[in-house]
């Protein structure tokens, strides 16, 4: 009967909840939403005829400035991280769009 009280790892069977469960940091959804927004407007302007990359660059600049302002206002590093990721990914995407004439 003692075997029934042990799980596969020979540890006492508990209530089924892991005790050392790791959760993502609380503010990582901010980064995710900002990257999702970047992908959305980049795809939208990428399919636009003509100089869509110019409008994409302007919106990208405004996006980064807003992230930096929110980082200062909220005193939150996650907003600054989000702004830097949007800047790095967005700049490289704009360069790619400009060199290839769109997506």
PDB file of N, CA and C in Angstrom:
ATOM      1  N   UNK A   1       0.798  -1.189   0.000  1.00  0.00           N
ATOM      2  CA  UNK A   1       0.000   0.000   0.000  1.00  0.00           C
ATOM      3  C   UNK A   1       0.844   1.257   0.000  1.00  0.00           C
ATOM      4  N   UNK A   2       2.048   1.167   0.451  1.00  0.00           N
ATOM      5  CA  UNK A   2       2.877   2.358   0.503  1.00  0.00           C
ATOM      6  C   UNK A   2       3.178   2.873  -0.891  1.00  0.00           C
ATOM      7  N   UNK A   3       3.200   2.017  -1.894  1.00  0.00           N
ATOM      8  CA  UNK A   3       3.460   2.439  -3.255  1.00  0.00           C
ATOM      9  C   UNK A   3       2.364   3.355  -3.778  1.00  0.00           C
ATOM     10  N   UNK A   4       1.148   3.205  -3.281  1.00  0.00           N
ATOM     11  CA  UNK A   4       0.047   4.053  -3.713  1.00  0.00           C
ATOM     12  C   UNK A   4       0.197   5.484  -3.216  1.00  0.00           C
ATOM     13  N   UNK A   5       0.934   5.669  -2.131  1.00  0.00           N
ATOM     14  CA  UNK A   5       1.104   6.988  -1.544  1.00  0.00           C
ATOM     15  C   UNK A   5       2.277   7.749  -2.154  1.00  0.00           C
ATOM     16  N   UNK A   6       2.979   7.170  -3.120  1.00  0.00           N
ATOM     17  CA  UNK A   6       4.119   7.816  -3.759  1.00  0.00           C
ATOM     18  C   UNK A   6       3.790   8.076  -5.217  1.00  0.00           C
ATOM     19  N   UNK A   7       4.265   9.191  -5.735  1.00  0.00           N
ATOM     20  CA  UNK A   7       4.092   9.461  -7.164  1.00  0.00           C
ATOM     21  C   UNK A   7       5.259   8.863  -7.935  1.00  0.00           C
ATOM     22  N   UNK A   8       5.355   9.175  -9.236  1.00  0.00           N
ATOM     23  CA  UNK A   8       6.394   8.591 -10.089  1.00  0.00           C
ATOM     24  C   UNK A   8       7.806   8.867  -9.624  1.00  0.00           C
ATOM     25  N   UNK A   9       8.025  10.006  -9.022  1.00  0.00           N
ATOM     26  CA  UNK A   9       9.370  10.406  -8.615  1.00  0.00           C
ATOM     27  C   UNK A   9       9.721   9.923  -7.215  1.00  0.00           C
ATOM     28  N   UNK A  10       8.918   9.004  -6.675  1.00  0.00           N
ATOM     29  CA  UNK A  10       9.114   8.489  -5.322  1.00  0.00           C
ATOM     30  C   UNK A  10       9.039   9.577  -4.267  1.00  0.00           C
ATOM     31  N   UNK A  11       8.212  10.583  -4.537  1.00  0.00           N
ATOM     32  CA  UNK A  11       7.955  11.630  -3.569  1.00  0.00           C
ATOM     33  C   UNK A  11       6.546  11.425  -3.034  1.00  0.00           C
ATOM     34  N   UNK A  12       6.290  11.849  -1.825  1.00  0.00           N
ATOM     35  CA  UNK A  12       4.937  11.688  -1.298  1.00  0.00           C
ATOM     36  C   UNK A  12       3.924  12.383  -2.205  1.00  0.00           C
ATOM     37  N   UNK A  13       2.829  11.703  -2.453  1.00  0.00           N
ATOM     38  CA  UNK A  13       1.783  12.275  -3.299  1.00  0.00           C
ATOM     39  C   UNK A  13       1.113  13.406  -2.541  1.00  0.00           C
ATOM     40  N   UNK A  14       1.050  14.562  -3.185  1.00  0.00           N
ATOM     41  CA  UNK A  14       0.446  15.730  -2.553  1.00  0.00           C
ATOM     42  C   UNK A  14      -0.893  16.036  -3.180  1.00  0.00           C
ATOM     43  N   UNK A  15      -1.234  17.287  -3.162  1.00  0.00           N
ATOM     44  CA  UNK A  15      -2.520  17.699  -3.715  1.00  0.00           C
ATOM     45  C   UNK A  15      -2.440  17.953  -5.219  1.00  0.00           C
ATOM     46  N   UNK A  16      -1.313  17.662  -5.836  1.00  0.00           N
ATOM     47  CA  UNK A  16      -1.172  17.808  -7.272  1.00  0.00           C
ATOM     48  C   UNK A  16      -0.646  19.155  -7.718  1.00  0.00           C
ATOM     49  N   UNK A  17      -0.468  20.079  -6.823  1.00  0.00           N
ATOM     50  CA  UNK A  17       0.022  21.409  -7.182  1.00  0.00           C
ATOM     51  C   UNK A  17       1.534  21.458  -6.984  1.00  0.00           C
ATOM     52  N   UNK A  18       2.267  21.880  -8.007  1.00  0.00           N
ATOM     53  CA  UNK A  18       3.722  22.004  -7.814  1.00  0.00           C
ATOM     54  C   UNK A  18       4.028  23.137  -6.847  1.00  0.00           C
ATOM     55  N   UNK A  19       5.012  22.934  -6.026  1.00  0.00           N
ATOM     56  CA  UNK A  19       5.342  23.941  -5.024  1.00  0.00           C
ATOM     57  C   UNK A  19       6.313  24.985  -5.545  1.00  0.00           C
ATOM     58  N   UNK A  20       7.110  24.661  -6.538  1.00  0.00           N
ATOM     59  CA  UNK A  20       8.088  25.614  -7.059  1.00  0.00           C
ATOM     60  C   UNK A  20       7.716  26.040  -8.469  1.00  0.00           C
ATOM     61  N   UNK A  21       6.460  26.329  -8.683  1.00  0.00           N
ATOM     62  CA  UNK A  21       5.974  26.746  -9.992  1.00  0.00           C
ATOM     63  C   UNK A  21       6.523  28.126 -10.326  1.00  0.00           C
ATOM     64  N   UNK A  22       7.110  28.271 -11.517  1.00  0.00           N
ATOM     65  CA  UNK A  22       7.651  29.557 -11.925  1.00  0.00           C
ATOM     66  C   UNK A  22       6.622  30.295 -12.763  1.00  0.00           C
ATOM     67  N   UNK A  23       6.461  31.547 -12.466  1.00  0.00           N
ATOM     68  CA  UNK A  23       5.533  32.397 -13.200  1.00  0.00           C
ATOM     69  C   UNK A  23       6.347  33.452 -13.940  1.00  0.00           C
ATOM     70  N   UNK A  24       5.864  33.904 -15.098  1.00  0.00           N
ATOM     71  CA  UNK A  24       6.567  34.992 -15.774  1.00  0.00           C
ATOM     72  C   UNK A  24       6.474  36.261 -14.937  1.00  0.00           C
ATOM     73  N   UNK A  25       7.429  37.160 -15.085  1.00  0.00           N
ATOM     74  CA  UNK A  25       7.355  38.417 -14.344  1.00  0.00           C
ATOM     75  C   UNK A  25       6.037  39.135 -14.622  1.00  0.00           C
ATOM     76  N   UNK A  26       5.587  39.879 -13.653  1.00  0.00           N
ATOM     77  CA  UNK A  26       4.251  40.478 -13.696  1.00  0.00           C
ATOM     78  C   UNK A  26       4.051  41.413 -14.892  1.00  0.00           C
ATOM     79  N   UNK A  27       5.063  42.108 -15.344  1.00  0.00           N
ATOM     80  CA  UNK A  27       4.892  43.095 -16.399  1.00  0.00           C
ATOM     81  C   UNK A  27       5.218  42.626 -17.803  1.00  0.00           C
ATOM     82  N   UNK A  28       5.467  41.351 -17.988  1.00  0.00           N
ATOM     83  CA  UNK A  28       5.850  40.879 -19.319  1.00  0.00           C
ATOM     84  C   UNK A  28       4.722  40.987 -20.336  1.00  0.00           C
ATOM     85  N   UNK A  29       3.485  41.091 -19.859  1.00  0.00           N
ATOM     86  CA  UNK A  29       2.394  41.288 -20.804  1.00  0.00           C
ATOM     87  C   UNK A  29       2.519  42.638 -21.500  1.00  0.00           C
ATOM     88  N   UNK A  30       3.141  43.606 -20.853  1.00  0.00           N
ATOM     89  CA  UNK A  30       3.350  44.924 -21.461  1.00  0.00           C
ATOM     90  C   UNK A  30       4.246  44.785 -22.686  1.00  0.00           C
ATOM     91  N   UNK A  31       5.309  44.027 -22.558  1.00  0.00           N
ATOM     92  CA  UNK A  31       6.213  43.800 -23.681  1.00  0.00           C
ATOM     93  C   UNK A  31       5.482  43.073 -24.807  1.00  0.00           C
ATOM     94  N   UNK A  32       4.720  42.074 -24.437  1.00  0.00           N
ATOM     95  CA  UNK A  32       3.974  41.316 -25.437  1.00  0.00           C
ATOM     96  C   UNK A  32       2.982  42.159 -26.210  1.00  0.00           C
ATOM     97  N   UNK A  33       2.225  42.997 -25.502  1.00  0.00           N
ATOM     98  CA  UNK A  33       1.250  43.857 -26.175  1.00  0.00           C
ATOM     99  C   UNK A  33       1.929  44.891 -27.068  1.00  0.00           C
ATOM    100  N   UNK A  34       3.064  45.413 -26.632  1.00  0.00           N
ATOM    101  CA  UNK A  34       3.781  46.380 -27.462  1.00  0.00           C
ATOM    102  C   UNK A  34       4.334  45.722 -28.724  1.00  0.00           C
ATOM    103  N   UNK A  35       4.860  44.523 -28.596  1.00  0.00           N
ATOM    104  CA  UNK A  35       5.363  43.814 -29.782  1.00  0.00           C
ATOM    105  C   UNK A  35       4.219  43.416 -30.708  1.00  0.00           C
ATOM    106  N   UNK A  36       3.071  43.065 -30.133  1.00  0.00           N
ATOM    107  CA  UNK A  36       1.900  42.754 -30.947  1.00  0.00           C
ATOM    108  C   UNK A  36       1.439  43.997 -31.710  1.00  0.00           C
ATOM    109  N   UNK A  37       1.438  45.141 -31.051  1.00  0.00           N
ATOM    110  CA  UNK A  37       1.092  46.392 -31.730  1.00  0.00           C
ATOM    111  C   UNK A  37       2.073  46.726 -32.838  1.00  0.00           C
ATOM    112  N   UNK A  38       3.362  46.535 -32.567  1.00  0.00           N
ATOM    113  CA  UNK A  38       4.385  46.771 -33.584  1.00  0.00           C
ATOM    114  C   UNK A  38       4.156  45.890 -34.800  1.00  0.00           C
ATOM    115  N   UNK A  39       3.878  44.615 -34.559  1.00  0.00           N
ATOM    116  CA  UNK A  39       3.637  43.695 -35.674  1.00  0.00           C
ATOM    117  C   UNK A  39       2.396  44.098 -36.460  1.00  0.00           C
ATOM    118  N   UNK A  40       1.369  44.554 -35.769  1.00  0.00           N
ATOM    119  CA  UNK A  40       0.117  44.917 -36.437  1.00  0.00           C
ATOM    120  C   UNK A  40       0.302  46.124 -37.349  1.00  0.00           C
ATOM    121  N   UNK A  41       0.862  47.223 -36.823  1.00  0.00           N
ATOM    122  CA  UNK A  41       0.976  48.397 -37.689  1.00  0.00           C
ATOM    123  C   UNK A  41       2.085  48.258 -38.722  1.00  0.00           C
ATOM    124  N   UNK A  42       3.094  47.446 -38.455  1.00  0.00           N
ATOM    125  CA  UNK A  42       4.113  47.204 -39.471  1.00  0.00           C
ATOM    126  C   UNK A  42       3.529  46.409 -40.633  1.00  0.00           C
ATOM    127  N   UNK A  43       2.725  45.402 -40.326  1.00  0.00           N
ATOM    128  CA  UNK A  43       2.084  44.630 -41.390  1.00  0.00           C
ATOM    129  C   UNK A  43       1.100  45.502 -42.167  1.00  0.00           C
ATOM    130  N   UNK A  44       0.362  46.340 -41.471  1.00  0.00           N
ATOM    131  CA  UNK A  44      -0.601  47.227 -42.118  1.00  0.00           C
ATOM    132  C   UNK A  44       0.093  48.194 -43.074  1.00  0.00           C
ATOM    133  N   UNK A  45       1.170  48.829 -42.609  1.00  0.00           N
ATOM    134  CA  UNK A  45       1.874  49.784 -43.463  1.00  0.00           C
ATOM    135  C   UNK A  45       2.742  49.079 -44.500  1.00  0.00           C
ATOM    136  N   UNK A  46       3.130  47.862 -44.235  1.00  0.00           N
ATOM    137  CA  UNK A  46       3.937  47.111 -45.198  1.00  0.00           C
ATOM    138  C   UNK A  46       3.159  46.767 -46.452  1.00  0.00           C
ATOM    139  N   UNK A  47       1.863  46.545 -46.285  1.00  0.00           N
ATOM    140  CA  UNK A  47       1.036  46.231 -47.434  1.00  0.00           C
ATOM    141  C   UNK A  47       0.489  47.472 -48.119  1.00  0.00           C
ATOM    142  N   UNK A  48       0.727  48.643 -47.538  1.00  0.00           N
ATOM    143  CA  UNK A  48       0.271  49.891 -48.142  1.00  0.00           C
ATOM    144  C   UNK A  48       1.112  50.177 -49.388  1.00  0.00           C
ATOM    145  N   UNK A  49       0.475  50.779 -50.351  1.00  0.00           N
ATOM    146  CA  UNK A  49       1.204  51.096 -51.577  1.00  0.00           C
ATOM    147  C   UNK A  49       2.086  52.319 -51.351  1.00  0.00           C
ATOM    148  N   UNK A  50       3.176  52.351 -52.043  1.00  0.00           N
ATOM    149  CA  UNK A  50       4.073  53.504 -51.953  1.00  0.00           C
ATOM    150  C   UNK A  50       4.978  53.435 -50.742  1.00  0.00           C
ATOM    151  N   UNK A  51       5.188  54.578 -50.114  1.00  0.00           N
ATOM    152  CA  UNK A  51       6.137  54.693 -49.012  1.00  0.00           C
ATOM    153  C   UNK A  51       5.553  54.325 -47.675  1.00  0.00           C
ATOM    154  N   UNK A  52       5.066  53.116 -47.532  1.00  0.00           N
ATOM    155  CA  UNK A  52       4.511  52.666 -46.269  1.00  0.00           C
ATOM    156  C   UNK A  52       5.537  52.610 -45.168  1.00  0.00           C
ATOM    157  N   UNK A  53       6.798  52.395 -45.523  1.00  0.00           N
ATOM    158  CA  UNK A  53       7.840  52.314 -44.512  1.00  0.00           C
ATOM    159  C   UNK A  53       8.098  53.667 -43.858  1.00  0.00           C
ATOM    160  N   UNK A  54       7.819  54.769 -44.558  1.00  0.00           N
ATOM    161  CA  UNK A  54       8.014  56.095 -43.958  1.00  0.00           C
ATOM    162  C   UNK A  54       6.982  56.326 -42.864  1.00  0.00           C
ATOM    163  N   UNK A  55       5.734  56.005 -43.154  1.00  0.00           N
ATOM    164  CA  UNK A  55       4.689  56.134 -42.144  1.00  0.00           C
ATOM    165  C   UNK A  55       4.944  55.168 -40.993  1.00  0.00           C
ATOM    166  N   UNK A  56       5.430  53.985 -41.305  1.00  0.00           N
ATOM    167  CA  UNK A  56       5.774  53.008 -40.271  1.00  0.00           C
ATOM    168  C   UNK A  56       6.873  53.562 -39.363  1.00  0.00           C
ATOM    169  N   UNK A  57       7.854  54.220 -39.933  1.00  0.00           N
ATOM    170  CA  UNK A  57       8.941  54.800 -39.136  1.00  0.00           C
ATOM    171  C   UNK A  57       8.432  55.906 -38.223  1.00  0.00           C
ATOM    172  N   UNK A  58       7.497  56.715 -38.707  1.00  0.00           N
ATOM    173  CA  UNK A  58       6.937  57.792 -37.885  1.00  0.00           C
ATOM    174  C   UNK A  58       6.145  57.208 -36.717  1.00  0.00           C
ATOM    175  N   UNK A  59       5.299  56.224 -37.003  1.00  0.00           N
ATOM    176  CA  UNK A  59       4.511  55.603 -35.937  1.00  0.00           C
ATOM    177  C   UNK A  59       5.429  54.867 -34.965  1.00  0.00           C
ATOM    178  N   UNK A  60       6.475  54.248 -35.472  1.00  0.00           N
ATOM    179  CA  UNK A  60       7.457  53.578 -34.623  1.00  0.00           C
ATOM    180  C   UNK A  60       8.116  54.569 -33.674  1.00  0.00           C
ATOM    181  N   UNK A  61       8.505  55.715 -34.172  1.00  0.00           N
ATOM    182  CA  UNK A  61       9.127  56.750 -33.329  1.00  0.00           C
ATOM    183  C   UNK A  61       8.168  57.198 -32.234  1.00  0.00           C
ATOM    184  N   UNK A  62       6.915  57.430 -32.591  1.00  0.00           N
ATOM    185  CA  UNK A  62       5.912  57.849 -31.601  1.00  0.00           C
ATOM    186  C   UNK A  62       5.711  56.745 -30.562  1.00  0.00           C
ATOM    187  N   UNK A  63       5.680  55.499 -31.007  1.00  0.00           N
ATOM    188  CA  UNK A  63       5.517  54.357 -30.113  1.00  0.00           C
ATOM    189  C   UNK A  63       6.658  54.296 -29.091  1.00  0.00           C
ATOM    190  N   UNK A  64       7.871  54.456 -29.544  1.00  0.00           N
ATOM    191  CA  UNK A  64       9.035  54.403 -28.656  1.00  0.00           C
ATOM    192  C   UNK A  64       9.010  55.571 -27.671  1.00  0.00           C
ATOM    193  N   UNK A  65       8.652  56.764 -28.142  1.00  0.00           N
ATOM    194  CA  UNK A  65       8.583  57.932 -27.257  1.00  0.00           C
ATOM    195  C   UNK A  65       7.525  57.717 -26.172  1.00  0.00           C
ATOM    196  N   UNK A  66       6.377  57.163 -26.545  1.00  0.00           N
ATOM    197  CA  UNK A  66       5.328  56.893 -25.563  1.00  0.00           C
ATOM    198  C   UNK A  66       5.804  55.870 -24.536  1.00  0.00           C
ATOM    199  N   UNK A  67       6.512  54.848 -24.972  1.00  0.00           N
ATOM    200  CA  UNK A  67       7.052  53.853 -24.037  1.00  0.00           C
ATOM    201  C   UNK A  67       8.043  54.481 -23.061  1.00  0.00           C
ATOM    202  N   UNK A  68       8.878  55.375 -23.547  1.00  0.00           N
ATOM    203  CA  UNK A  68       9.852  56.030 -22.674  1.00  0.00           C
ATOM    204  C   UNK A  68       9.148  56.957 -21.685  1.00  0.00           C
ATOM    205  N   UNK A  69       8.136  57.683 -22.144  1.00  0.00           N
ATOM    206  CA  UNK A  69       7.372  58.556 -21.244  1.00  0.00           C
ATOM    207  C   UNK A  69       6.680  57.733 -20.161  1.00  0.00           C
ATOM    208  N   UNK A  70       6.085  56.603 -20.546  1.00  0.00           N
ATOM    209  CA  UNK A  70       5.435  55.746 -19.557  1.00  0.00           C
ATOM    210  C   UNK A  70       6.445  55.118 -18.603  1.00  0.00           C
ATOM    211  N   UNK A  71       7.654  54.839 -19.079  1.00  0.00           N
ATOM    212  CA  UNK A  71       8.698  54.309 -18.201  1.00  0.00           C
ATOM    213  C   UNK A  71       9.073  55.334 -17.136  1.00  0.00           C
ATOM    214  N   UNK A  72       9.171  56.579 -17.544  1.00  0.00           N
ATOM    215  CA  UNK A  72       9.502  57.636 -16.583  1.00  0.00           C
ATOM    216  C   UNK A  72       8.340  57.920 -15.643  1.00  0.00           C
ATOM    217  N   UNK A  73       7.127  57.945 -16.179  1.00  0.00           N
ATOM    218  CA  UNK A  73       5.954  58.265 -15.358  1.00  0.00           C
ATOM    219  C   UNK A  73       5.662  57.166 -14.346  1.00  0.00           C
ATOM    220  N   UNK A  74       5.784  55.916 -14.769  1.00  0.00           N
ATOM    221  CA  UNK A  74       5.479  54.793 -13.881  1.00  0.00           C
ATOM    222  C   UNK A  74       6.686  54.299 -13.097  1.00  0.00           C
ATOM    223  N   UNK A  75       7.855  54.828 -13.439  1.00  0.00           N
ATOM    224  CA  UNK A  75       9.125  54.358 -12.850  1.00  0.00           C
ATOM    225  C   UNK A  75       9.215  52.841 -12.959  1.00  0.00           C
ATOM    226  N   UNK A  76       8.991  52.381 -14.188  1.00  0.00           N
ATOM    227  CA  UNK A  76       8.946  50.951 -14.464  1.00  0.00           C
ATOM    228  C   UNK A  76       9.942  50.609 -15.565  1.00  0.00           C
ATOM    229  N   UNK A  77      10.859  49.691 -15.262  1.00  0.00           N
ATOM    230  CA  UNK A  77      11.865  49.284 -16.236  1.00  0.00           C
ATOM    231  C   UNK A  77      11.257  48.489 -17.377  1.00  0.00           C
ATOM    232  N   UNK A  78      10.111  47.863 -17.147  1.00  0.00           N
ATOM    233  CA  UNK A  78       9.517  47.037 -18.180  1.00  0.00           C
ATOM    234  C   UNK A  78       9.067  47.878 -19.372  1.00  0.00           C
ATOM    235  N   UNK A  79       8.632  49.108 -19.121  1.00  0.00           N
ATOM    236  CA  UNK A  79       8.254  50.006 -20.224  1.00  0.00           C
ATOM    237  C   UNK A  79       9.485  50.421 -21.020  1.00  0.00           C
ATOM    238  N   UNK A  80      10.597  50.650 -20.339  1.00  0.00           N
ATOM    239  CA  UNK A  80      11.835  51.008 -21.041  1.00  0.00           C
ATOM    240  C   UNK A  80      12.328  49.819 -21.864  1.00  0.00           C
ATOM    241  N   UNK A  81      12.275  48.623 -21.297  1.00  0.00           N
ATOM    242  CA  UNK A  81      12.638  47.416 -22.035  1.00  0.00           C
ATOM    243  C   UNK A  81      11.752  47.260 -23.267  1.00  0.00           C
ATOM    244  N   UNK A  82      10.475  47.482 -23.087  1.00  0.00           N
ATOM    245  CA  UNK A  82       9.535  47.364 -24.194  1.00  0.00           C
ATOM    246  C   UNK A  82       9.859  48.376 -25.288  1.00  0.00           C
ATOM    247  N   UNK A  83      10.153  49.605 -24.905  1.00  0.00           N
ATOM    248  CA  UNK A  83      10.502  50.631 -25.881  1.00  0.00           C
ATOM    249  C   UNK A  83      11.782  50.298 -26.636  1.00  0.00           C
ATOM    250  N   UNK A  84      12.766  49.758 -25.937  1.00  0.00           N
ATOM    251  CA  UNK A  84      14.019  49.391 -26.595  1.00  0.00           C
ATOM    252  C   UNK A  84      13.831  48.219 -27.561  1.00  0.00           C
ATOM    253  N   UNK A  85      13.004  47.242 -27.165  1.00  0.00           N
ATOM    254  CA  UNK A  85      12.722  46.126 -28.075  1.00  0.00           C
ATOM    255  C   UNK A  85      11.956  46.586 -29.303  1.00  0.00           C
ATOM    256  N   UNK A  86      10.978  47.457 -29.104  1.00  0.00           N
ATOM    257  CA  UNK A  86      10.216  47.993 -30.232  1.00  0.00           C
ATOM    258  C   UNK A  86      11.144  48.783 -31.153  1.00  0.00           C
ATOM    259  N   UNK A  87      12.046  49.551 -30.590  1.00  0.00           N
ATOM    260  CA  UNK A  87      12.988  50.322 -31.391  1.00  0.00           C
ATOM    261  C   UNK A  87      13.908  49.413 -32.201  1.00  0.00           C
ATOM    262  N   UNK A  88      14.487  48.412 -31.554  1.00  0.00           N
ATOM    263  CA  UNK A  88      15.424  47.522 -32.252  1.00  0.00           C
ATOM    264  C   UNK A  88      14.725  46.709 -33.345  1.00  0.00           C
ATOM    265  N   UNK A  89      13.600  46.119 -33.020  1.00  0.00           N
ATOM    266  CA  UNK A  89      12.893  45.296 -34.000  1.00  0.00           C
ATOM    267  C   UNK A  89      12.281  46.171 -35.083  1.00  0.00           C
ATOM    268  N   UNK A  90      11.701  47.288 -34.685  1.00  0.00           N
ATOM    269  CA  UNK A  90      11.064  48.178 -35.650  1.00  0.00           C
ATOM    270  C   UNK A  90      12.052  48.823 -36.606  1.00  0.00           C
ATOM    271  N   UNK A  91      13.206  49.240 -36.095  1.00  0.00           N
ATOM    272  CA  UNK A  91      14.210  49.856 -36.970  1.00  0.00           C
ATOM    273  C   UNK A  91      14.705  48.864 -38.011  1.00  0.00           C
ATOM    274  N   UNK A  92      14.989  47.642 -37.574  1.00  0.00           N
ATOM    275  CA  UNK A  92      15.470  46.648 -38.529  1.00  0.00           C
ATOM    276  C   UNK A  92      14.388  46.295 -39.542  1.00  0.00           C
ATOM    277  N   UNK A  93      13.137  46.289 -39.115  1.00  0.00           N
ATOM    278  CA  UNK A  93      12.037  46.027 -40.044  1.00  0.00           C
ATOM    279  C   UNK A  93      11.874  47.165 -41.039  1.00  0.00           C
ATOM    280  N   UNK A  94      12.002  48.391 -40.585  1.00  0.00           N
ATOM    281  CA  UNK A  94      11.907  49.542 -41.496  1.00  0.00           C
ATOM    282  C   UNK A  94      13.037  49.527 -42.525  1.00  0.00           C
ATOM    283  N   UNK A  95      14.222  49.174 -42.092  1.00  0.00           N
ATOM    284  CA  UNK A  95      15.348  49.087 -43.026  1.00  0.00           C
ATOM    285  C   UNK A  95      15.080  48.003 -44.070  1.00  0.00           C
ATOM    286  N   UNK A  96      14.546  46.877 -43.613  1.00  0.00           N
ATOM    287  CA  UNK A  96      14.233  45.799 -44.539  1.00  0.00           C
ATOM    288  C   UNK A  96      13.135  46.235 -45.524  1.00  0.00           C
ATOM    289  N   UNK A  97      12.108  46.913 -45.026  1.00  0.00           N
ATOM    290  CA  UNK A  97      11.020  47.362 -45.880  1.00  0.00           C
ATOM    291  C   UNK A  97      11.521  48.385 -46.901  1.00  0.00           C
ATOM    292  N   UNK A  98      12.394  49.274 -46.497  1.00  0.00           N
ATOM    293  CA  UNK A  98      12.906  50.299 -47.387  1.00  0.00           C
ATOM    294  C   UNK A  98      13.788  49.681 -48.481  1.00  0.00           C
ATOM    295  N   UNK A  99      14.549  48.666 -48.127  1.00  0.00           N
ATOM    296  CA  UNK A  99      15.449  48.073 -49.114  1.00  0.00           C
ATOM    297  C   UNK A  99      14.739  47.137 -50.093  1.00  0.00           C
ATOM    298  N   UNK A 100      13.603  46.575 -49.661  1.00  0.00           N
ATOM    299  CA  UNK A 100      12.892  45.631 -50.516  1.00  0.00           C
ATOM    300  C   UNK A 100      11.604  46.212 -51.092  1.00  0.00           C
ATOM    301  N   UNK A 101      11.310  47.442 -50.773  1.00  0.00           N
ATOM    302  CA  UNK A 101      10.114  48.083 -51.324  1.00  0.00           C
ATOM    303  C   UNK A 101       8.826  47.603 -50.717  1.00  0.00           C
ATOM    304  N   UNK A 102       8.835  47.165 -49.497  1.00  0.00           N
ATOM    305  CA  UNK A 102       7.628  46.695 -48.805  1.00  0.00           C
ATOM    306  C   UNK A 102       7.788  45.264 -48.363  1.00  0.00           C
ATOM    307  N   UNK A 103       6.787  44.772 -47.696  1.00  0.00           N
ATOM    308  CA  UNK A 103       6.832  43.393 -47.179  1.00  0.00           C
ATOM    309  C   UNK A 103       6.541  42.431 -48.308  1.00  0.00           C
TER     310      UNK A 103
END
